[in-house]
């Protein structure tokens, strides 16, 4: 099944490779560190502390671990809406080697199209989206499973915003 065609006058987003420095305004990149970790378990393992606080406790929230099974998306595709979770982070970690595209914008008021960025993972990277970061729903390049850690509470923390002008997301 082919993706719906995008009119030529849409603004186009082309994902760039995900790096910790480029993604910093939106959260943290999770990837295997280059240097040595701290020895644990009588030296049989190394520990790497990746994120000190996932910020999931606001407004009575608690951590919830879920598995998302994603279908591969067809590119190019239209980006019509963004979402944010103001009271907690959201973490995506591929279970296996699964590439995905992140479409993100800074926390705060819904930004204009010019503030929206796109990144593609190498299949082994995960991310922690900072609370309030605007993002598109999961966009898997490869079908696969993702471990997701997010805030759970009686009140759902998901704000949706439809873009005034959809964007065309390419995958090169």
C-alpha atoms as a PDB file:
ATOM      1  CA  UNK A   1       0.000   0.000   0.000  1.00  0.00           C
ATOM      2  CA  UNK A   2       1.461   3.358  -1.014  1.00  0.00           C
ATOM      3  CA  UNK A   3       1.493   6.443   1.177  1.00  0.00           C
ATOM      4  CA  UNK A   4      -0.913   9.218   0.173  1.00  0.00           C
ATOM      5  CA  UNK A   5       0.621  11.739  -2.163  1.00  0.00           C
ATOM      6  CA  UNK A   6       1.664  15.058  -0.697  1.00  0.00           C
ATOM      7  CA  UNK A   7       1.025  18.221  -2.706  1.00  0.00           C
ATOM      8  CA  UNK A   8       4.194  19.861  -4.016  1.00  0.00           C
ATOM      9  CA  UNK A   9       3.544  23.101  -2.110  1.00  0.00           C
ATOM     10  CA  UNK A  10       3.839  21.459   1.324  1.00  0.00           C
ATOM     11  CA  UNK A  11       6.913  22.264   3.398  1.00  0.00           C
ATOM     12  CA  UNK A  12       9.250  19.266   3.378  1.00  0.00           C
ATOM     13  CA  UNK A  13      11.074  17.756   6.354  1.00  0.00           C
ATOM     14  CA  UNK A  14      14.058  15.482   5.768  1.00  0.00           C
ATOM     15  CA  UNK A  15      15.304  13.633   8.865  1.00  0.00           C
ATOM     16  CA  UNK A  16      18.934  14.031   9.875  1.00  0.00           C
ATOM     17  CA  UNK A  17      20.875  11.393  11.835  1.00  0.00           C
ATOM     18  CA  UNK A  18      20.064  11.442  15.550  1.00  0.00           C
ATOM     19  CA  UNK A  19      22.893  12.751  17.746  1.00  0.00           C
ATOM     20  CA  UNK A  20      22.819  13.638  21.457  1.00  0.00           C
ATOM     21  CA  UNK A  21      23.897  17.250  20.797  1.00  0.00           C
ATOM     22  CA  UNK A  22      21.301  17.927  18.093  1.00  0.00           C
ATOM     23  CA  UNK A  23      18.486  16.301  20.105  1.00  0.00           C
ATOM     24  CA  UNK A  24      19.301  18.025  23.424  1.00  0.00           C
ATOM     25  CA  UNK A  25      16.558  20.720  23.127  1.00  0.00           C
ATOM     26  CA  UNK A  26      13.952  17.916  22.952  1.00  0.00           C
ATOM     27  CA  UNK A  27      15.288  15.354  25.425  1.00  0.00           C
ATOM     28  CA  UNK A  28      18.014  12.744  25.666  1.00  0.00           C
ATOM     29  CA  UNK A  29      19.376  10.137  23.275  1.00  0.00           C
ATOM     30  CA  UNK A  30      19.815   6.659  24.739  1.00  0.00           C
ATOM     31  CA  UNK A  31      22.717   4.749  23.238  1.00  0.00           C
ATOM     32  CA  UNK A  32      25.563   2.572  24.389  1.00  0.00           C
ATOM     33  CA  UNK A  33      28.259   4.816  25.908  1.00  0.00           C
ATOM     34  CA  UNK A  34      31.739   4.718  24.372  1.00  0.00           C
ATOM     35  CA  UNK A  35      33.747   4.602  27.617  1.00  0.00           C
ATOM     36  CA  UNK A  36      33.804   2.173  30.506  1.00  0.00           C
ATOM     37  CA  UNK A  37      30.974   1.977  32.999  1.00  0.00           C
ATOM     38  CA  UNK A  38      31.004   1.404  36.720  1.00  0.00           C
ATOM     39  CA  UNK A  39      31.769  -2.216  37.679  1.00  0.00           C
ATOM     40  CA  UNK A  40      28.920  -4.008  39.457  1.00  0.00           C
ATOM     41  CA  UNK A  41      27.945  -7.600  40.303  1.00  0.00           C
ATOM     42  CA  UNK A  42      31.446  -8.515  41.489  1.00  0.00           C
ATOM     43  CA  UNK A  43      32.903  -7.138  38.248  1.00  0.00           C
ATOM     44  CA  UNK A  44      30.815  -9.310  35.912  1.00  0.00           C
ATOM     45  CA  UNK A  45      28.833  -6.315  34.606  1.00  0.00           C
ATOM     46  CA  UNK A  46      29.207  -2.616  33.951  1.00  0.00           C
ATOM     47  CA  UNK A  47      26.571  -0.052  34.857  1.00  0.00           C
ATOM     48  CA  UNK A  48      25.887   3.108  32.845  1.00  0.00           C
ATOM     49  CA  UNK A  49      23.449   5.601  34.389  1.00  0.00           C
ATOM     50  CA  UNK A  50      21.734   7.196  31.381  1.00  0.00           C
ATOM     51  CA  UNK A  51      18.988   9.445  32.821  1.00  0.00           C
ATOM     52  CA  UNK A  52      18.761  10.460  36.477  1.00  0.00           C
ATOM     53  CA  UNK A  53      15.061  11.375  36.572  1.00  0.00           C
ATOM     54  CA  UNK A  54      12.401  10.486  34.012  1.00  0.00           C
ATOM     55  CA  UNK A  55      10.056  13.099  35.544  1.00  0.00           C
ATOM     56  CA  UNK A  56       6.952  10.911  35.725  1.00  0.00           C
ATOM     57  CA  UNK A  57       5.562  11.828  39.164  1.00  0.00           C
ATOM     58  CA  UNK A  58       3.821  15.155  38.416  1.00  0.00           C
ATOM     59  CA  UNK A  59       0.113  15.395  39.176  1.00  0.00           C
ATOM     60  CA  UNK A  60       0.013  11.963  40.836  1.00  0.00           C
ATOM     61  CA  UNK A  61       1.725  10.151  37.964  1.00  0.00           C
ATOM     62  CA  UNK A  62       3.668   6.933  38.151  1.00  0.00           C
ATOM     63  CA  UNK A  63       5.987   5.093  35.775  1.00  0.00           C
ATOM     64  CA  UNK A  64       4.381   2.666  33.361  1.00  0.00           C
ATOM     65  CA  UNK A  65       6.301   0.241  31.124  1.00  0.00           C
ATOM     66  CA  UNK A  66       4.599  -0.759  27.883  1.00  0.00           C
ATOM     67  CA  UNK A  67       5.417  -2.551  24.666  1.00  0.00           C
ATOM     68  CA  UNK A  68       4.453  -0.846  21.402  1.00  0.00           C
ATOM     69  CA  UNK A  69       4.446  -3.063  18.290  1.00  0.00           C
ATOM     70  CA  UNK A  70       4.943  -0.711  15.349  1.00  0.00           C
ATOM     71  CA  UNK A  71       4.318  -1.270  11.675  1.00  0.00           C
ATOM     72  CA  UNK A  72       6.802   0.193   9.210  1.00  0.00           C
ATOM     73  CA  UNK A  73       5.581   3.485   7.780  1.00  0.00           C
ATOM     74  CA  UNK A  74       5.703   4.356   4.101  1.00  0.00           C
ATOM     75  CA  UNK A  75       7.589   7.521   3.179  1.00  0.00           C
ATOM     76  CA  UNK A  76       7.002  10.201   2.147  1.00  0.00           C
ATOM     77  CA  UNK A  77       4.089  10.780   4.474  1.00  0.00           C
ATOM     78  CA  UNK A  78       2.073  13.730   5.656  1.00  0.00           C
ATOM     79  CA  UNK A  79       2.486  15.079   9.182  1.00  0.00           C
ATOM     80  CA  UNK A  80      -0.893  16.520  10.158  1.00  0.00           C
ATOM     81  CA  UNK A  81      -0.648  16.728  13.938  1.00  0.00           C
ATOM     82  CA  UNK A  82       1.706  16.817  16.885  1.00  0.00           C
ATOM     83  CA  UNK A  83       1.190  15.836  20.510  1.00  0.00           C
ATOM     84  CA  UNK A  84       2.804  16.631  23.839  1.00  0.00           C
ATOM     85  CA  UNK A  85       2.777  15.282  27.379  1.00  0.00           C
ATOM     86  CA  UNK A  86       3.235  18.261  29.698  1.00  0.00           C
ATOM     87  CA  UNK A  87       3.447  16.329  32.992  1.00  0.00           C
ATOM     88  CA  UNK A  88       5.938  13.622  32.116  1.00  0.00           C
ATOM     89  CA  UNK A  89       8.586  12.340  29.781  1.00  0.00           C
ATOM     90  CA  UNK A  90       8.069   9.587  27.252  1.00  0.00           C
ATOM     91  CA  UNK A  91      10.829   7.054  26.503  1.00  0.00           C
ATOM     92  CA  UNK A  92      11.123   4.906  23.375  1.00  0.00           C
ATOM     93  CA  UNK A  93      13.708   2.107  23.198  1.00  0.00           C
ATOM     94  CA  UNK A  94      13.724  -0.270  20.234  1.00  0.00           C
ATOM     95  CA  UNK A  95      13.648  -3.934  21.216  1.00  0.00           C
ATOM     96  CA  UNK A  96      16.158  -5.198  18.705  1.00  0.00           C
ATOM     97  CA  UNK A  97      17.488  -3.181  15.779  1.00  0.00           C
ATOM     98  CA  UNK A  98      14.568  -1.003  14.702  1.00  0.00           C
ATOM     99  CA  UNK A  99      15.009   2.407  13.079  1.00  0.00           C
ATOM    100  CA  UNK A 100      12.471   5.148  13.663  1.00  0.00           C
ATOM    101  CA  UNK A 101      11.974   8.785  12.775  1.00  0.00           C
ATOM    102  CA  UNK A 102      11.316  11.465  15.381  1.00  0.00           C
ATOM    103  CA  UNK A 103       9.416  14.599  14.408  1.00  0.00           C
ATOM    104  CA  UNK A 104       9.793  17.051  17.295  1.00  0.00           C
ATOM    105  CA  UNK A 105       9.427  20.685  18.297  1.00  0.00           C
ATOM    106  CA  UNK A 106      10.384  22.566  21.481  1.00  0.00           C
ATOM    107  CA  UNK A 107       8.182  22.497  24.581  1.00  0.00           C
ATOM    108  CA  UNK A 108       5.807  25.409  25.057  1.00  0.00           C
ATOM    109  CA  UNK A 109       3.128  26.671  22.741  1.00  0.00           C
ATOM    110  CA  UNK A 110       2.680  24.674  19.559  1.00  0.00           C
ATOM    111  CA  UNK A 111       5.437  25.977  17.297  1.00  0.00           C
ATOM    112  CA  UNK A 112       5.188  26.914  13.668  1.00  0.00           C
ATOM    113  CA  UNK A 113       6.372  24.551  10.949  1.00  0.00           C
ATOM    114  CA  UNK A 114       9.789  26.224  10.885  1.00  0.00           C
ATOM    115  CA  UNK A 115      10.548  25.048  14.443  1.00  0.00           C
ATOM    116  CA  UNK A 116       9.750  21.395  13.722  1.00  0.00           C
ATOM    117  CA  UNK A 117      12.752  19.072  13.291  1.00  0.00           C
ATOM    118  CA  UNK A 118      13.103  15.466  12.159  1.00  0.00           C
ATOM    119  CA  UNK A 119      15.720  12.884  13.194  1.00  0.00           C
ATOM    120  CA  UNK A 120      16.286   9.262  12.212  1.00  0.00           C
ATOM    121  CA  UNK A 121      17.827   6.716  14.569  1.00  0.00           C
ATOM    122  CA  UNK A 122      20.415   4.128  13.631  1.00  0.00           C
ATOM    123  CA  UNK A 123      18.156   1.338  14.925  1.00  0.00           C
ATOM    124  CA  UNK A 124      20.002   0.923  18.226  1.00  0.00           C
ATOM    125  CA  UNK A 125      19.239   4.335  19.734  1.00  0.00           C
ATOM    126  CA  UNK A 126      16.353   5.187  22.015  1.00  0.00           C
ATOM    127  CA  UNK A 127      15.144   8.568  23.231  1.00  0.00           C
ATOM    128  CA  UNK A 128      13.635  10.240  26.258  1.00  0.00           C
ATOM    129  CA  UNK A 129      11.317  13.043  25.157  1.00  0.00           C
ATOM    130  CA  UNK A 130      11.404  15.813  27.767  1.00  0.00           C
ATOM    131  CA  UNK A 131       8.075  16.797  29.333  1.00  0.00           C
ATOM    132  CA  UNK A 132       6.195  19.203  27.069  1.00  0.00           C
ATOM    133  CA  UNK A 133       8.183  18.383  23.918  1.00  0.00           C
ATOM    134  CA  UNK A 134       5.911  18.372  20.888  1.00  0.00           C
ATOM    135  CA  UNK A 135       6.255  15.218  18.791  1.00  0.00           C
ATOM    136  CA  UNK A 136       4.526  13.086  16.227  1.00  0.00           C
ATOM    137  CA  UNK A 137       3.334   9.606  17.130  1.00  0.00           C
ATOM    138  CA  UNK A 138       5.800   6.742  16.643  1.00  0.00           C
ATOM    139  CA  UNK A 139       7.099   6.590  13.058  1.00  0.00           C
ATOM    140  CA  UNK A 140       8.873   3.270  12.588  1.00  0.00           C
ATOM    141  CA  UNK A 141      11.076   2.915   9.520  1.00  0.00           C
ATOM    142  CA  UNK A 142      11.324  -0.815  10.270  1.00  0.00           C
ATOM    143  CA  UNK A 143       8.507  -2.865  11.767  1.00  0.00           C
ATOM    144  CA  UNK A 144       9.289  -3.916  15.308  1.00  0.00           C
ATOM    145  CA  UNK A 145       8.787  -3.637  19.024  1.00  0.00           C
ATOM    146  CA  UNK A 146       9.584  -0.737  21.331  1.00  0.00           C
ATOM    147  CA  UNK A 147       9.757  -0.577  25.107  1.00  0.00           C
ATOM    148  CA  UNK A 148       7.978   2.592  26.175  1.00  0.00           C
ATOM    149  CA  UNK A 149       8.202   4.188  29.603  1.00  0.00           C
ATOM    150  CA  UNK A 150       5.650   6.907  30.218  1.00  0.00           C
ATOM    151  CA  UNK A 151       3.573   8.577  32.876  1.00  0.00           C
ATOM    152  CA  UNK A 152       0.356   6.866  33.918  1.00  0.00           C
ATOM    153  CA  UNK A 153      -2.306   8.580  36.032  1.00  0.00           C
ATOM    154  CA  UNK A 154      -6.068   8.973  36.399  1.00  0.00           C
ATOM    155  CA  UNK A 155      -5.963  12.017  34.086  1.00  0.00           C
ATOM    156  CA  UNK A 156      -4.513  11.383  30.627  1.00  0.00           C
ATOM    157  CA  UNK A 157      -1.636  13.720  29.762  1.00  0.00           C
ATOM    158  CA  UNK A 158      -1.771  13.968  25.984  1.00  0.00           C
ATOM    159  CA  UNK A 159      -2.484  17.213  24.170  1.00  0.00           C
ATOM    160  CA  UNK A 160      -3.041  16.992  20.402  1.00  0.00           C
ATOM    161  CA  UNK A 161      -2.582  19.869  17.977  1.00  0.00           C
ATOM    162  CA  UNK A 162      -3.477  19.798  14.294  1.00  0.00           C
ATOM    163  CA  UNK A 163      -0.961  21.677  12.145  1.00  0.00           C
ATOM    164  CA  UNK A 164      -2.282  24.615  10.139  1.00  0.00           C
ATOM    165  CA  UNK A 165      -0.309  23.375   7.146  1.00  0.00           C
ATOM    166  CA  UNK A 166       0.689  19.695   6.997  1.00  0.00           C
ATOM    167  CA  UNK A 167       4.334  18.837   6.390  1.00  0.00           C
ATOM    168  CA  UNK A 168       5.748  16.318   3.937  1.00  0.00           C
ATOM    169  CA  UNK A 169       8.141  13.959   5.741  1.00  0.00           C
ATOM    170  CA  UNK A 170      10.688  12.312   3.471  1.00  0.00           C
ATOM    171  CA  UNK A 171      12.972   9.428   4.293  1.00  0.00           C
ATOM    172  CA  UNK A 172      16.270   9.569   2.398  1.00  0.00           C
END
